[in-house]
Amino acid sequence: MNDDIKAIEAATWTYLDGLYEGDVDKLASVFHPTSALTQSLDGELKVVPRAQWFEAVRGRKSPQETGLERGDHILAIDLVGPSMALVKVKCQMPPRYFTDLLSFLKVDGKWVVAQKVFMTETAA
């Protein structure tokens, strides 16, 4: 079980590094090809497939490139069972601050993100 927690934590940091650096290859290494991002936007459910999200990441300057301070935190790792986990993280691209719930599944012996549900808060 401890090895699973370590693998999930490492995958989560790869995700956070990929976000900060704008590195789609890092993101792709932890997000399953069928994964998507889901949020409530203006009171409606919005789902963005992984490929569409990757295009947005490629098309913007990364937080690292723009000199934004890094403020990533893993708040919780819940190993639900031998093949499922939920990770709660905080990250930022000021003035936007994000809380992500990453649903991990163990596929072919590797922990991958199957779904990301997130919310955004904007500083005034």
Protein backbone atom coordinates (compact mmCIF):
# COMPACT_ATOMS: atom_id res chain seq x y z
CA MET A 1 0.00 0.00 0.00
CA ASN A 2 2.85 2.40 0.83
CA ASP A 3 4.31 1.88 -2.66
CA ASP A 4 0.94 2.86 -4.15
CA ILE A 5 0.83 6.08 -2.10
CA LYS A 6 4.38 6.92 -3.23
CA ALA A 7 3.48 6.25 -6.89
CA ILE A 8 0.33 8.38 -6.65
CA GLU A 9 2.25 11.20 -4.97
CA ALA A 10 4.96 11.06 -7.66
CA ALA A 11 2.33 11.14 -10.43
CA THR A 12 0.63 14.08 -8.73
CA TRP A 13 3.91 16.04 -8.61
CA THR A 14 4.49 15.22 -12.28
CA TYR A 15 1.06 16.74 -12.96
CA LEU A 16 1.83 19.84 -10.91
CA ASP A 17 5.26 20.22 -12.57
CA GLY A 18 3.63 19.86 -15.98
CA LEU A 19 1.08 22.55 -15.14
CA TYR A 20 3.67 25.00 -13.88
CA GLU A 21 6.09 24.36 -16.75
CA GLY A 22 3.41 24.09 -19.45
CA ASP A 23 4.83 20.66 -20.32
CA VAL A 24 2.15 18.65 -22.13
CA ASP A 25 4.39 15.57 -22.24
CA LYS A 26 4.49 15.49 -18.45
CA LEU A 27 0.74 15.95 -18.27
CA ALA A 28 0.19 13.19 -20.85
CA SER A 29 2.32 10.82 -18.82
CA VAL A 30 -0.17 10.93 -15.92
CA PHE A 31 -3.53 11.61 -17.60
CA HIS A 32 -5.21 8.63 -19.25
CA PRO A 33 -6.01 9.26 -22.95
CA THR A 34 -9.76 9.07 -22.21
CA SER A 35 -9.57 11.49 -19.26
CA ALA A 36 -11.33 14.83 -19.12
CA LEU A 37 -11.55 17.94 -16.96
CA THR A 38 -14.86 18.88 -15.42
CA GLN A 39 -15.99 22.06 -13.72
CA SER A 40 -19.10 24.02 -12.94
CA LEU A 41 -18.87 27.20 -15.01
CA ASP A 42 -21.56 29.86 -14.70
CA GLY A 43 -23.84 27.26 -13.14
CA GLU A 44 -23.38 24.71 -15.91
CA LEU A 45 -21.33 21.55 -16.09
CA LYS A 46 -18.43 21.94 -18.52
CA VAL A 47 -16.38 18.95 -19.63
CA VAL A 48 -13.13 19.42 -21.56
CA PRO A 49 -11.47 16.34 -23.12
CA ARG A 50 -7.77 15.85 -22.46
CA ALA A 51 -6.75 16.68 -26.05
CA GLN A 52 -8.60 20.01 -25.97
CA TRP A 53 -6.99 20.90 -22.63
CA PHE A 54 -3.54 20.03 -23.99
CA GLU A 55 -4.10 22.41 -26.93
CA ALA A 56 -4.94 25.19 -24.47
CA VAL A 57 -1.77 24.45 -22.46
CA ARG A 58 0.33 24.51 -25.64
CA GLY A 59 -1.25 27.81 -26.69
CA ARG A 60 -0.53 29.79 -23.54
CA LYS A 61 2.57 30.95 -21.73
CA SER A 62 3.29 28.73 -18.77
CA PRO A 63 3.25 30.11 -15.23
CA GLN A 64 7.02 29.43 -15.17
CA GLU A 65 7.57 31.48 -18.36
CA THR A 66 5.61 34.41 -16.98
CA GLY A 67 7.49 34.33 -13.67
CA LEU A 68 4.49 33.47 -11.53
CA GLU A 69 5.22 32.19 -8.06
CA ARG A 70 4.65 28.49 -7.61
CA GLY A 71 2.20 27.55 -4.87
CA ASP A 72 1.32 23.87 -5.27
CA HIS A 73 0.13 21.72 -2.40
CA ILE A 74 -1.06 18.15 -2.13
CA LEU A 75 -3.78 18.41 0.50
CA ALA A 76 -4.85 14.76 0.68
CA ILE A 77 -4.28 11.37 -0.87
CA ASP A 78 -7.07 8.89 -0.23
CA LEU A 79 -6.23 5.37 -1.34
CA VAL A 80 -9.81 4.15 -1.71
CA GLY A 81 -8.82 0.63 -2.70
CA PRO A 82 -6.18 -1.36 -4.55
CA SER A 83 -6.99 0.30 -7.87
CA MET A 84 -8.62 3.65 -7.00
CA ALA A 85 -7.48 6.82 -5.26
CA LEU A 86 -8.61 10.42 -4.88
CA VAL A 87 -6.10 13.26 -4.60
CA LYS A 88 -6.94 16.82 -3.59
CA VAL A 89 -4.50 19.54 -4.64
CA LYS A 90 -4.25 23.32 -4.65
CA CYS A 91 -2.35 25.20 -7.33
CA GLN A 92 -2.25 28.72 -8.67
CA MET A 93 -1.83 30.91 -11.70
CA PRO A 94 -2.50 34.27 -10.04
CA PRO A 95 -4.98 35.81 -10.05
CA ARG A 96 -6.59 32.36 -10.46
CA TYR A 97 -6.43 29.77 -7.69
CA PHE A 98 -7.47 26.18 -8.30
CA THR A 99 -8.65 23.26 -6.21
CA ASP A 100 -8.44 19.97 -8.10
CA LEU A 101 -9.83 16.56 -7.26
CA LEU A 102 -7.88 14.00 -9.26
CA SER A 103 -9.48 10.57 -9.61
CA PHE A 104 -6.69 8.05 -10.05
CA LEU A 105 -7.12 4.50 -11.29
CA LYS A 106 -4.46 1.82 -11.48
CA VAL A 107 -4.35 0.71 -15.12
CA ASP A 108 -1.89 -1.96 -16.26
CA GLY A 109 0.03 -1.50 -13.00
CA LYS A 110 0.35 2.30 -13.36
CA TRP A 111 -1.56 5.02 -11.51
CA VAL A 112 -3.17 7.46 -13.96
CA VAL A 113 -5.66 10.30 -13.70
CA ALA A 114 -8.99 9.16 -15.10
CA GLN A 115 -10.84 12.39 -14.31
CA LYS A 116 -10.05 15.86 -12.98
CA VAL A 117 -12.83 17.83 -11.31
CA PHE A 118 -11.84 21.35 -10.36
CA MET A 119 -12.94 24.78 -9.29
CA THR A 120 -11.37 28.16 -9.87
CA GLU A 121 -11.34 31.14 -7.57
CA THR A 122 -10.19 34.53 -8.79
CA ALA A 123 -8.52 37.06 -6.49
CA ALA A 124 -9.99 40.52 -6.57
